[in-house]
């Protein structure tokens, strides 16, 4: 996955499953992804949530992280309308728009 691919996926999550005018991911699935587990209180289905402040006390409670292979990470903060992508590979990808 390129940094652009990861950014697009994070953007899809930031926009509640919408891409442009089209609902790509159903809201009920996104709700389940973000819902934390009783087994591990900061993990949802594929996402790590900041609901209880476990990611960082300086981030809003709605922040969540999507972690991928090779330490690739997407931080999504809906209340700040923010996506941060960190790739572990030394390659650099620059995207003008999603």
N, C-alpha and C. Protein backbone atom coordinates (compact mmCIF):
# COMPACT_ATOMS: atom_id res chain seq x y z
N UNK A 1 0.84 -1.17 0.00
CA UNK A 1 0.00 0.00 0.00
C UNK A 1 0.89 1.24 0.00
N UNK A 2 0.57 2.18 -0.84
CA UNK A 2 1.33 3.43 -0.86
C UNK A 2 0.78 4.38 0.20
N UNK A 3 1.53 5.43 0.46
CA UNK A 3 1.05 6.43 1.41
C UNK A 3 -0.24 7.08 0.90
N UNK A 4 -0.34 7.23 -0.40
CA UNK A 4 -1.56 7.81 -0.98
C UNK A 4 -2.76 6.88 -0.77
N UNK A 5 -2.55 5.57 -0.95
CA UNK A 5 -3.62 4.60 -0.72
C UNK A 5 -4.09 4.65 0.73
N UNK A 6 -3.13 4.67 1.66
CA UNK A 6 -3.48 4.73 3.08
C UNK A 6 -4.20 6.03 3.40
N UNK A 7 -3.76 7.13 2.82
CA UNK A 7 -4.42 8.42 3.03
C UNK A 7 -5.85 8.40 2.49
N UNK A 8 -6.05 7.77 1.37
CA UNK A 8 -7.41 7.67 0.80
C UNK A 8 -8.33 6.86 1.72
N UNK A 9 -7.79 5.76 2.24
CA UNK A 9 -8.61 4.94 3.14
C UNK A 9 -8.93 5.72 4.42
N UNK A 10 -7.94 6.42 4.97
CA UNK A 10 -8.16 7.23 6.16
C UNK A 10 -9.17 8.34 5.88
N UNK A 11 -9.08 8.94 4.70
CA UNK A 11 -10.03 10.00 4.31
C UNK A 11 -11.45 9.44 4.23
N UNK A 12 -11.58 8.22 3.72
CA UNK A 12 -12.88 7.55 3.66
C UNK A 12 -13.44 7.37 5.08
N UNK A 13 -12.60 6.99 6.02
CA UNK A 13 -13.03 6.85 7.41
C UNK A 13 -13.37 8.20 8.02
N UNK A 14 -12.57 9.23 7.71
CA UNK A 14 -12.82 10.58 8.21
C UNK A 14 -14.17 11.09 7.74
N UNK A 15 -14.55 10.76 6.54
CA UNK A 15 -15.81 11.22 5.94
C UNK A 15 -16.96 10.24 6.15
N UNK A 16 -16.85 9.41 7.18
CA UNK A 16 -17.91 8.45 7.54
C UNK A 16 -18.33 7.54 6.39
N UNK A 17 -17.35 7.08 5.63
CA UNK A 17 -17.62 6.13 4.56
C UNK A 17 -18.06 6.74 3.25
N UNK A 18 -18.08 8.07 3.18
CA UNK A 18 -18.48 8.74 1.94
C UNK A 18 -17.28 9.10 1.10
N UNK A 19 -17.41 8.88 -0.19
CA UNK A 19 -16.41 9.35 -1.15
C UNK A 19 -17.17 10.19 -2.16
N UNK A 20 -16.97 11.50 -2.07
CA UNK A 20 -17.77 12.41 -2.89
C UNK A 20 -19.20 12.35 -2.41
N UNK A 21 -20.09 12.01 -3.29
CA UNK A 21 -21.52 11.90 -2.95
C UNK A 21 -21.95 10.46 -2.71
N UNK A 22 -21.03 9.52 -2.79
CA UNK A 22 -21.38 8.11 -2.70
C UNK A 22 -20.98 7.50 -1.36
N UNK A 23 -21.90 6.76 -0.75
CA UNK A 23 -21.62 6.04 0.49
C UNK A 23 -20.95 4.72 0.12
N UNK A 24 -19.63 4.64 0.35
CA UNK A 24 -18.85 3.46 -0.01
C UNK A 24 -18.91 2.40 1.08
N UNK A 25 -18.78 2.82 2.34
CA UNK A 25 -18.81 1.91 3.49
C UNK A 25 -20.06 2.23 4.31
N UNK A 26 -20.88 1.22 4.60
CA UNK A 26 -22.09 1.47 5.39
C UNK A 26 -21.77 2.03 6.78
N UNK A 27 -22.58 2.95 7.24
CA UNK A 27 -22.37 3.57 8.56
C UNK A 27 -22.38 2.54 9.68
N UNK A 28 -23.22 1.53 9.59
CA UNK A 28 -23.28 0.53 10.65
C UNK A 28 -21.97 -0.23 10.77
N UNK A 29 -21.27 -0.43 9.64
CA UNK A 29 -19.97 -1.09 9.70
C UNK A 29 -18.93 -0.18 10.35
N UNK A 30 -18.96 1.09 10.00
CA UNK A 30 -18.02 2.04 10.60
C UNK A 30 -18.25 2.17 12.10
N UNK A 31 -19.51 2.16 12.51
CA UNK A 31 -19.82 2.21 13.94
C UNK A 31 -19.23 1.01 14.67
N UNK A 32 -19.33 -0.17 14.05
CA UNK A 32 -18.77 -1.37 14.65
C UNK A 32 -17.24 -1.31 14.70
N UNK A 33 -16.62 -0.75 13.65
CA UNK A 33 -15.17 -0.61 13.63
C UNK A 33 -14.68 0.26 14.77
N UNK A 34 -15.43 1.33 15.06
CA UNK A 34 -15.01 2.30 16.06
C UNK A 34 -15.42 1.92 17.48
N UNK A 35 -16.35 0.98 17.61
CA UNK A 35 -16.81 0.56 18.93
C UNK A 35 -15.70 -0.22 19.63
N UNK A 36 -15.36 0.20 20.83
CA UNK A 36 -14.29 -0.49 21.56
C UNK A 36 -14.78 -1.80 22.15
N UNK A 37 -13.85 -2.71 22.30
CA UNK A 37 -14.15 -4.04 22.80
C UNK A 37 -14.08 -4.08 24.32
N UNK A 38 -14.87 -4.92 24.94
CA UNK A 38 -14.80 -5.08 26.39
C UNK A 38 -13.54 -5.86 26.76
N UNK A 39 -12.99 -6.62 25.80
CA UNK A 39 -11.78 -7.40 26.06
C UNK A 39 -10.57 -6.47 26.14
N UNK A 40 -10.45 -5.56 25.18
CA UNK A 40 -9.38 -4.57 25.18
C UNK A 40 -10.05 -3.21 24.98
N UNK A 41 -10.10 -2.39 26.01
CA UNK A 41 -10.93 -1.19 25.99
C UNK A 41 -10.55 -0.09 25.01
N UNK A 42 -9.43 -0.21 24.31
CA UNK A 42 -9.12 0.83 23.32
C UNK A 42 -9.07 0.28 21.89
N UNK A 43 -9.47 -0.97 21.69
CA UNK A 43 -9.45 -1.56 20.36
C UNK A 43 -10.84 -1.83 19.83
N UNK A 44 -11.06 -1.42 18.58
CA UNK A 44 -12.27 -1.76 17.86
C UNK A 44 -11.92 -2.82 16.82
N UNK A 45 -12.70 -2.91 15.77
CA UNK A 45 -12.43 -3.87 14.69
C UNK A 45 -11.44 -3.24 13.70
N UNK A 46 -10.17 -3.41 13.96
CA UNK A 46 -9.14 -2.89 13.08
C UNK A 46 -8.68 -1.48 13.41
N UNK A 47 -9.31 -0.86 14.37
CA UNK A 47 -8.94 0.49 14.76
C UNK A 47 -8.60 0.55 16.23
N UNK A 48 -7.73 1.45 16.58
CA UNK A 48 -7.42 1.70 17.99
C UNK A 48 -8.01 3.05 18.34
N UNK A 49 -8.84 3.11 19.34
CA UNK A 49 -9.61 4.29 19.68
C UNK A 49 -8.98 5.09 20.82
N UNK A 50 -9.21 6.38 20.82
CA UNK A 50 -8.76 7.24 21.91
C UNK A 50 -9.93 7.59 22.84
N UNK A 51 -10.99 6.83 22.79
CA UNK A 51 -12.18 7.10 23.59
C UNK A 51 -11.85 7.27 25.07
N UNK A 52 -10.93 6.44 25.57
CA UNK A 52 -10.57 6.53 26.99
C UNK A 52 -9.23 7.24 27.21
N UNK A 53 -8.70 7.90 26.16
CA UNK A 53 -7.45 8.64 26.29
C UNK A 53 -6.20 7.79 26.23
N UNK A 54 -6.32 6.53 25.81
CA UNK A 54 -5.17 5.63 25.82
C UNK A 54 -4.15 5.93 24.72
N UNK A 55 -4.56 6.55 23.63
CA UNK A 55 -3.59 6.93 22.59
C UNK A 55 -2.78 8.13 23.04
N UNK A 56 -3.50 9.15 23.49
CA UNK A 56 -2.86 10.36 23.97
C UNK A 56 -3.89 11.23 24.67
N UNK A 57 -3.52 11.78 25.80
CA UNK A 57 -4.43 12.68 26.51
C UNK A 57 -4.55 14.03 25.80
N UNK A 58 -3.61 14.32 24.91
CA UNK A 58 -3.66 15.60 24.18
C UNK A 58 -4.50 15.52 22.91
N UNK A 59 -4.96 14.31 22.54
CA UNK A 59 -5.83 14.15 21.38
C UNK A 59 -7.29 14.11 21.82
N UNK A 60 -8.20 14.56 20.97
CA UNK A 60 -9.63 14.46 21.30
C UNK A 60 -10.06 13.00 21.42
N UNK A 61 -11.15 12.79 22.10
CA UNK A 61 -11.65 11.43 22.34
C UNK A 61 -12.10 10.73 21.06
N UNK A 62 -12.40 11.50 19.99
CA UNK A 62 -12.86 10.88 18.75
C UNK A 62 -11.72 10.43 17.85
N UNK A 63 -10.47 10.64 18.26
CA UNK A 63 -9.31 10.23 17.45
C UNK A 63 -9.21 8.70 17.43
N UNK A 64 -8.74 8.18 16.30
CA UNK A 64 -8.48 6.75 16.21
C UNK A 64 -7.32 6.51 15.25
N UNK A 65 -6.73 5.33 15.37
CA UNK A 65 -5.55 4.96 14.59
C UNK A 65 -5.85 3.68 13.84
N UNK A 66 -5.44 3.67 12.60
CA UNK A 66 -5.48 2.47 11.77
C UNK A 66 -4.04 2.06 11.55
N UNK A 67 -3.67 0.88 12.02
CA UNK A 67 -2.29 0.40 11.89
C UNK A 67 -2.23 -0.67 10.82
N UNK A 68 -1.17 -0.61 10.03
CA UNK A 68 -1.00 -1.57 8.96
C UNK A 68 0.31 -2.31 9.05
N UNK A 69 0.65 -2.99 7.99
CA UNK A 69 1.89 -3.75 7.92
C UNK A 69 3.09 -2.81 7.95
N UNK A 70 4.19 -3.31 8.45
CA UNK A 70 5.46 -2.58 8.48
C UNK A 70 5.35 -1.25 9.22
N UNK A 71 4.56 -1.19 10.24
CA UNK A 71 4.40 0.00 11.07
C UNK A 71 3.80 1.20 10.34
N UNK A 72 3.07 0.97 9.27
CA UNK A 72 2.36 2.05 8.59
C UNK A 72 1.15 2.42 9.44
N UNK A 73 0.95 3.72 9.65
CA UNK A 73 -0.09 4.18 10.57
C UNK A 73 -0.84 5.36 9.97
N UNK A 74 -2.15 5.36 10.17
CA UNK A 74 -2.99 6.51 9.83
C UNK A 74 -3.69 6.96 11.10
N UNK A 75 -3.46 8.20 11.48
CA UNK A 75 -4.15 8.81 12.61
C UNK A 75 -5.28 9.65 12.04
N UNK A 76 -6.49 9.45 12.53
CA UNK A 76 -7.66 10.18 12.07
C UNK A 76 -8.29 10.90 13.26
N UNK A 77 -8.49 12.21 13.13
CA UNK A 77 -9.11 13.00 14.18
C UNK A 77 -10.27 13.77 13.55
N UNK A 78 -11.48 13.20 13.59
CA UNK A 78 -12.62 13.83 12.94
C UNK A 78 -12.92 15.25 13.43
N UNK A 79 -12.83 15.50 14.73
CA UNK A 79 -13.17 16.83 15.24
C UNK A 79 -12.18 17.90 14.79
N UNK A 80 -10.99 17.50 14.40
CA UNK A 80 -9.99 18.44 13.86
C UNK A 80 -9.93 18.38 12.34
N UNK A 81 -10.75 17.50 11.71
CA UNK A 81 -10.73 17.30 10.26
C UNK A 81 -9.30 17.00 9.80
N UNK A 82 -8.66 16.06 10.49
CA UNK A 82 -7.23 15.81 10.32
C UNK A 82 -6.93 14.35 10.06
N UNK A 83 -5.99 14.13 9.13
CA UNK A 83 -5.43 12.81 8.88
C UNK A 83 -3.91 12.96 8.90
N UNK A 84 -3.23 12.07 9.61
CA UNK A 84 -1.77 12.04 9.61
C UNK A 84 -1.35 10.64 9.19
N UNK A 85 -0.49 10.57 8.19
CA UNK A 85 -0.02 9.29 7.67
C UNK A 85 1.47 9.15 7.98
N UNK A 86 1.84 7.99 8.52
CA UNK A 86 3.26 7.69 8.74
C UNK A 86 3.55 6.36 8.08
N UNK A 87 4.51 6.37 7.19
CA UNK A 87 4.90 5.15 6.50
C UNK A 87 6.29 4.74 7.01
N UNK A 88 6.50 3.45 7.20
CA UNK A 88 7.78 2.98 7.72
C UNK A 88 8.83 2.82 6.64
N UNK A 89 8.41 2.75 5.40
CA UNK A 89 9.36 2.60 4.30
C UNK A 89 10.04 3.93 4.01
N UNK A 90 11.17 3.88 3.38
CA UNK A 90 11.93 5.09 3.07
C UNK A 90 11.45 5.78 1.81
N UNK A 91 10.47 5.23 1.14
CA UNK A 91 9.97 5.86 -0.07
C UNK A 91 9.09 7.04 0.28
N UNK A 92 9.03 7.99 -0.61
CA UNK A 92 8.23 9.19 -0.38
C UNK A 92 7.19 9.29 -1.48
N UNK A 93 5.95 9.50 -1.09
CA UNK A 93 4.88 9.73 -2.06
C UNK A 93 4.27 11.10 -1.77
N UNK A 94 4.10 11.87 -2.79
CA UNK A 94 3.48 13.17 -2.65
C UNK A 94 2.21 13.19 -3.47
N UNK A 95 1.11 13.54 -2.83
CA UNK A 95 -0.17 13.60 -3.53
C UNK A 95 -0.73 15.00 -3.44
N UNK A 96 -1.16 15.53 -4.57
CA UNK A 96 -1.75 16.87 -4.57
C UNK A 96 -3.19 16.85 -4.08
N UNK A 97 -3.90 15.78 -4.38
CA UNK A 97 -5.27 15.66 -3.90
C UNK A 97 -5.61 14.19 -3.79
N UNK A 98 -6.66 13.91 -3.05
CA UNK A 98 -7.08 12.53 -2.87
C UNK A 98 -7.95 12.12 -4.01
